[in-house]
Each structure stands twice: as structure tokens, then as C-alpha cells.
Amino acid sequence: MTEFPVRKFSLIIEEILHEGGPMPEKPRRRGAILAVVKNPYAGVYVEDLEPGMDALKPLGLEMTDRLIAALGCDVSEIDSYGKASIVGSNGELEHGALWHVPGGYAMREKLGEALAIVPSAKKVGGFGARVDVPIGHINAAYVRSHFDAMEVGVPDGPRPDEMVFCLVMACGPRIHSRMGGLAADKISAFDGLR
């Protein structure tokens, strides 16, 4: 079985009080959890990478649980999410795609009725590389008030033979969102889009 030993976790929690306008009734909470892991595929070409996705599923579930706990809000208030990966320089972009199933499905499982695709980003980067994690509503991709991104990274990774896997979740829309479109309370199709 392919293994991805974790070197470290990093957790970022933000409480957004305002964006220059009036104070909202309730602050927005947004958080990210990152895991720096050994890349067992670094420096070699491996044709079949899919078994690695199964090996990463427990990590996805653990990170999801840790992030939900750190956000400090009821799980029913978490209404947006995203995921990303940064592959160290001895790896390839496709190694970052290993995170699609373990990261996305873990959040969807733990958040209950999460119907929308989990927005995703991946890149190859060096020491201290950062990535903008796209964020969208958990049940309808067209809910504009939840379009967002969170920049994340770790100062000492990824090393050339490592990867950084990230999950992001948020409670509530952007502060002062006012760009129209489908409102979260008007989701009707429940098809992950509208």
C-alpha cells in the first residue's frame, strides 16, 4: 500500500468582522487546514496513481474533522468549501490530483447534504509556495455570495519530495456580498448547480 506520512499540520482560522462597511450581524468564519506529507511518487514516473487516492482517504477525513472542530461553529453553519494541493519540485502536477477524491468526498461526507462540486486548485511549487484555494457554496455552484478564495501555504514546505494538501471551509457568505444572482435560501434544483 502506498503511504503518505504526515510531517506536520497547519491550521488557519479567520473571523472576518467587516470589509470596510457596516459590521455584520454575525462575523464570518473561514478556515484552512494543511497537511505536509511525503510524496512517494517524487522523482519517478508511476503509471497507476489511483491507489494513492484510497490511501489518502483517512487523511481527508481526519483533516475534515479537525477543521470542523477548529471553526467552532455548528456543522450546519458551514456552507462553503474548497480544496487545493501544492506538489514539491520533484513531483508532477498529476500527483496533486490525488487529493480530489480524499479531500472532496471527506468534506461532503462530514457536512451532510453537500451537493456541489468542491472547487479545487493544484500547482507545483517550491519551498514556501502558496496557493489560492477557490471556495464555493456546498449545495449550489451558482450561489455568487459564496464565491471566494483563501491564500494558504506553509513556510517550510513543500520540500522537493513532499506535497501540501489543503481543505478550506467557511460559515456564511462574503461580508457585504451584494452581487445578486442565486441566493443561498433560493436553492431549488438541488442538482449541485442551482
Protein backbone atom coordinates (compact mmCIF):
# COMPACT_ATOMS: atom_id res chain seq x y z
CA MET A 1 0.00 0.00 0.00
CA THR A 2 1.21 3.49 -0.85
CA GLU A 3 1.92 5.61 2.22
CA PHE A 4 1.89 9.38 2.74
CA PRO A 5 3.49 10.07 6.15
CA VAL A 6 2.46 13.46 7.55
CA ARG A 7 5.31 15.74 8.63
CA LYS A 8 3.08 18.46 10.04
CA PHE A 9 -0.38 20.02 10.12
CA SER A 10 -1.09 23.73 9.96
CA LEU A 11 -4.41 25.34 10.87
CA ILE A 12 -5.61 28.86 9.98
CA ILE A 13 -8.85 30.29 11.36
CA GLU A 14 -10.15 33.73 10.40
CA GLU A 15 -13.01 35.66 11.94
CA ILE A 16 -13.95 38.39 9.47
CA LEU A 17 -15.67 41.27 11.26
CA HIS A 18 -16.15 43.67 8.33
CA GLU A 19 -14.78 44.68 4.94
CA GLY A 20 -14.87 48.43 5.46
CA GLY A 21 -18.66 48.69 5.62
CA PRO A 22 -21.08 48.24 8.50
CA MET A 23 -20.48 45.44 10.99
CA PRO A 24 -22.45 42.32 10.05
CA GLU A 25 -24.87 40.78 12.49
CA LYS A 26 -22.53 37.79 12.75
CA PRO A 27 -18.83 37.60 11.78
CA ARG A 28 -17.85 35.22 9.00
CA ARG A 29 -15.61 32.35 9.98
CA ARG A 30 -13.24 30.91 7.40
CA GLY A 31 -10.59 28.28 8.00
CA ALA A 32 -7.99 26.12 6.34
CA ILE A 33 -6.14 23.01 7.38
CA LEU A 34 -2.97 21.93 5.62
CA ALA A 35 -1.02 18.68 5.84
CA VAL A 36 2.57 18.42 4.65
CA VAL A 37 3.09 14.84 3.50
CA LYS A 38 5.82 12.74 1.92
CA ASN A 39 5.30 12.24 -1.82
CA PRO A 40 6.00 8.55 -2.51
CA TYR A 41 5.99 9.26 -6.25
CA ALA A 42 8.60 12.06 -6.20
CA GLY A 43 11.37 11.59 -8.72
CA VAL A 44 9.84 8.61 -10.54
CA TYR A 45 7.11 8.12 -13.10
CA VAL A 46 4.33 5.82 -11.88
CA GLU A 47 1.64 4.88 -14.40
CA ASP A 48 -1.16 3.96 -11.97
CA LEU A 49 -1.62 6.63 -9.30
CA GLU A 50 -5.24 5.83 -8.39
CA PRO A 51 -4.38 3.53 -5.43
CA GLY A 52 -2.88 6.59 -3.78
CA MET A 53 -6.34 8.18 -3.60
CA ASP A 54 -7.62 5.32 -1.46
CA ALA A 55 -4.57 5.54 0.79
CA LEU A 56 -5.28 9.26 1.39
CA LYS A 57 -8.97 8.86 2.35
CA PRO A 58 -8.26 8.56 6.12
CA LEU A 59 -6.19 11.75 5.97
CA GLY A 60 -9.06 13.59 4.25
CA LEU A 61 -11.48 12.51 6.98
CA GLU A 62 -9.06 13.43 9.78
CA MET A 63 -8.39 16.87 8.31
CA THR A 64 -12.11 17.48 7.82
CA ASP A 65 -12.84 16.61 11.46
CA ARG A 66 -10.01 18.84 12.70
CA LEU A 67 -11.17 21.80 10.60
CA ILE A 68 -14.82 21.47 11.62
CA ALA A 69 -13.78 21.43 15.28
CA ALA A 70 -11.46 24.43 14.85
CA LEU A 71 -14.10 26.54 13.08
CA GLY A 72 -16.12 26.44 16.29
CA CYS A 73 -19.50 26.78 14.58
CA ASP A 74 -22.24 24.22 14.22
CA VAL A 75 -21.63 21.94 11.25
CA SER A 76 -24.97 23.11 9.81
CA GLU A 77 -23.50 26.65 9.53
CA ILE A 78 -20.60 25.54 7.30
CA ASP A 79 -21.88 26.38 3.85
CA SER A 80 -18.84 26.71 1.59
CA TYR A 81 -15.71 24.74 0.86
CA GLY A 82 -12.69 24.23 -1.38
CA LYS A 83 -9.50 22.20 -1.64
CA ALA A 84 -6.00 22.50 -3.07
CA SER A 85 -2.62 20.85 -3.28
CA ILE A 86 0.93 22.02 -3.78
CA VAL A 87 3.40 19.46 -5.15
CA GLY A 88 7.10 19.80 -4.38
CA SER A 89 9.56 20.23 -7.25
CA ASN A 90 10.45 16.53 -7.60
CA GLY A 91 6.81 15.66 -8.18
CA GLU A 92 4.41 16.32 -11.04
CA LEU A 93 1.12 18.18 -11.23
CA GLU A 94 -0.80 14.91 -11.53
CA HIS A 95 0.33 14.00 -8.00
CA GLY A 96 -1.71 16.95 -6.75
CA ALA A 97 -4.79 15.43 -8.37
CA LEU A 98 -4.55 12.59 -5.84
CA TRP A 99 -6.36 14.95 -3.44
CA HIS A 100 -9.57 15.23 -5.50
CA VAL A 101 -11.37 12.22 -4.01
CA PRO A 102 -9.91 12.10 -0.47
CA GLY A 103 -10.28 15.83 0.17
CA GLY A 104 -13.55 16.48 -1.60
CA TYR A 105 -15.51 13.43 -0.55
CA ALA A 106 -14.37 13.70 3.07
CA MET A 107 -15.87 17.18 3.36
CA ARG A 108 -19.04 16.18 1.52
CA GLU A 109 -19.48 13.17 3.81
CA LYS A 110 -18.95 15.11 7.04
CA LEU A 111 -21.06 18.12 6.01
CA GLY A 112 -24.11 16.04 5.17
CA GLU A 113 -26.08 17.27 2.16
CA ALA A 114 -23.17 18.77 0.25
CA LEU A 115 -24.23 18.50 -3.39
CA ALA A 116 -21.95 20.91 -5.27
CA ILE A 117 -18.59 20.01 -6.70
CA VAL A 118 -15.73 21.04 -4.41
CA PRO A 119 -13.74 23.83 -6.13
CA SER A 120 -10.11 22.86 -6.49
CA ALA A 121 -6.65 24.17 -7.36
CA LYS A 122 -3.28 22.50 -7.70
CA LYS A 123 0.24 23.53 -8.60
CA VAL A 124 3.87 22.50 -8.47
CA GLY A 125 5.81 24.84 -6.22
CA GLY A 126 8.96 25.23 -4.19
CA PHE A 127 9.66 25.96 -0.55
CA GLY A 128 7.10 28.41 0.85
CA ALA A 129 4.83 28.24 -2.22
CA ARG A 130 1.30 29.48 -1.68
CA VAL A 131 -1.93 28.67 -3.48
CA ASP A 132 -5.30 30.40 -3.75
CA VAL A 133 -7.93 27.87 -2.74
CA PRO A 134 -11.22 28.56 -4.57
CA ILE A 135 -14.32 28.40 -2.37
CA GLY A 136 -17.93 27.81 -3.37
CA HIS A 137 -21.30 27.03 -1.78
CA ILE A 138 -21.68 23.40 -0.68
CA ASN A 139 -25.06 22.85 -2.35
CA ALA A 140 -25.18 25.07 -5.43
CA ALA A 141 -22.23 26.21 -7.51
CA TYR A 142 -24.16 29.28 -8.78
CA VAL A 143 -24.57 30.94 -5.36
CA ARG A 144 -22.46 34.08 -6.01
CA SER A 145 -22.38 35.28 -2.40
CA HIS A 146 -20.07 32.38 -1.54
CA PHE A 147 -17.55 32.75 -4.41
CA ASP A 148 -14.27 33.33 -2.59
CA ALA A 149 -10.67 32.20 -2.26
CA MET A 150 -8.23 31.80 0.61
CA GLU A 151 -4.47 32.02 0.10
CA VAL A 152 -2.57 29.36 2.04
CA GLY A 153 0.86 27.80 2.33
CA VAL A 154 3.50 26.71 4.82
CA PRO A 155 6.85 28.47 5.22
CA ASP A 156 8.92 25.26 5.27
CA GLY A 157 7.24 23.23 2.56
CA PRO A 158 6.74 21.57 0.34
CA ARG A 159 10.23 20.12 0.24
CA PRO A 160 11.06 18.63 -3.19
CA ASP A 161 9.77 15.20 -2.13
CA GLU A 162 6.65 16.45 -0.33
CA MET A 163 3.13 17.67 -1.05
CA VAL A 164 0.87 20.05 0.83
CA PHE A 165 -2.81 19.08 0.89
CA CYS A 166 -5.36 21.69 1.95
CA LEU A 167 -9.04 21.90 2.85
CA VAL A 168 -10.95 25.17 3.33
CA MET A 169 -14.42 25.72 4.81
CA ALA A 170 -16.39 28.83 5.70
CA CYS A 171 -19.50 29.73 7.66
CA GLY A 172 -21.58 32.28 5.78
CA PRO A 173 -21.25 34.37 2.62
CA ARG A 174 -18.67 37.05 1.89
CA ILE A 175 -19.10 40.00 4.22
CA HIS A 176 -21.25 42.63 2.44
CA SER A 177 -21.96 40.34 -0.55
CA ARG A 178 -24.27 42.23 -2.90
CA MET A 179 -23.64 40.98 -6.44
CA GLY A 180 -27.06 39.39 -6.98
CA GLY A 181 -27.52 36.00 -8.57
CA LEU A 182 -28.88 32.92 -6.88
CA ALA A 183 -29.28 33.42 -3.12
CA ALA A 184 -28.46 30.53 -0.78
CA ASP A 185 -32.01 30.49 0.55
CA LYS A 186 -33.39 30.20 -3.00
CA ILE A 187 -31.63 26.96 -3.99
CA SER A 188 -34.33 24.85 -5.60
CA ALA A 189 -32.93 22.37 -8.12
CA PHE A 190 -30.67 20.55 -5.62
CA ASP A 191 -28.54 19.37 -8.52
CA GLY A 192 -25.31 20.88 -7.21
CA LEU A 193 -25.66 23.83 -9.57
CA ARG A 194 -28.85 25.80 -8.79
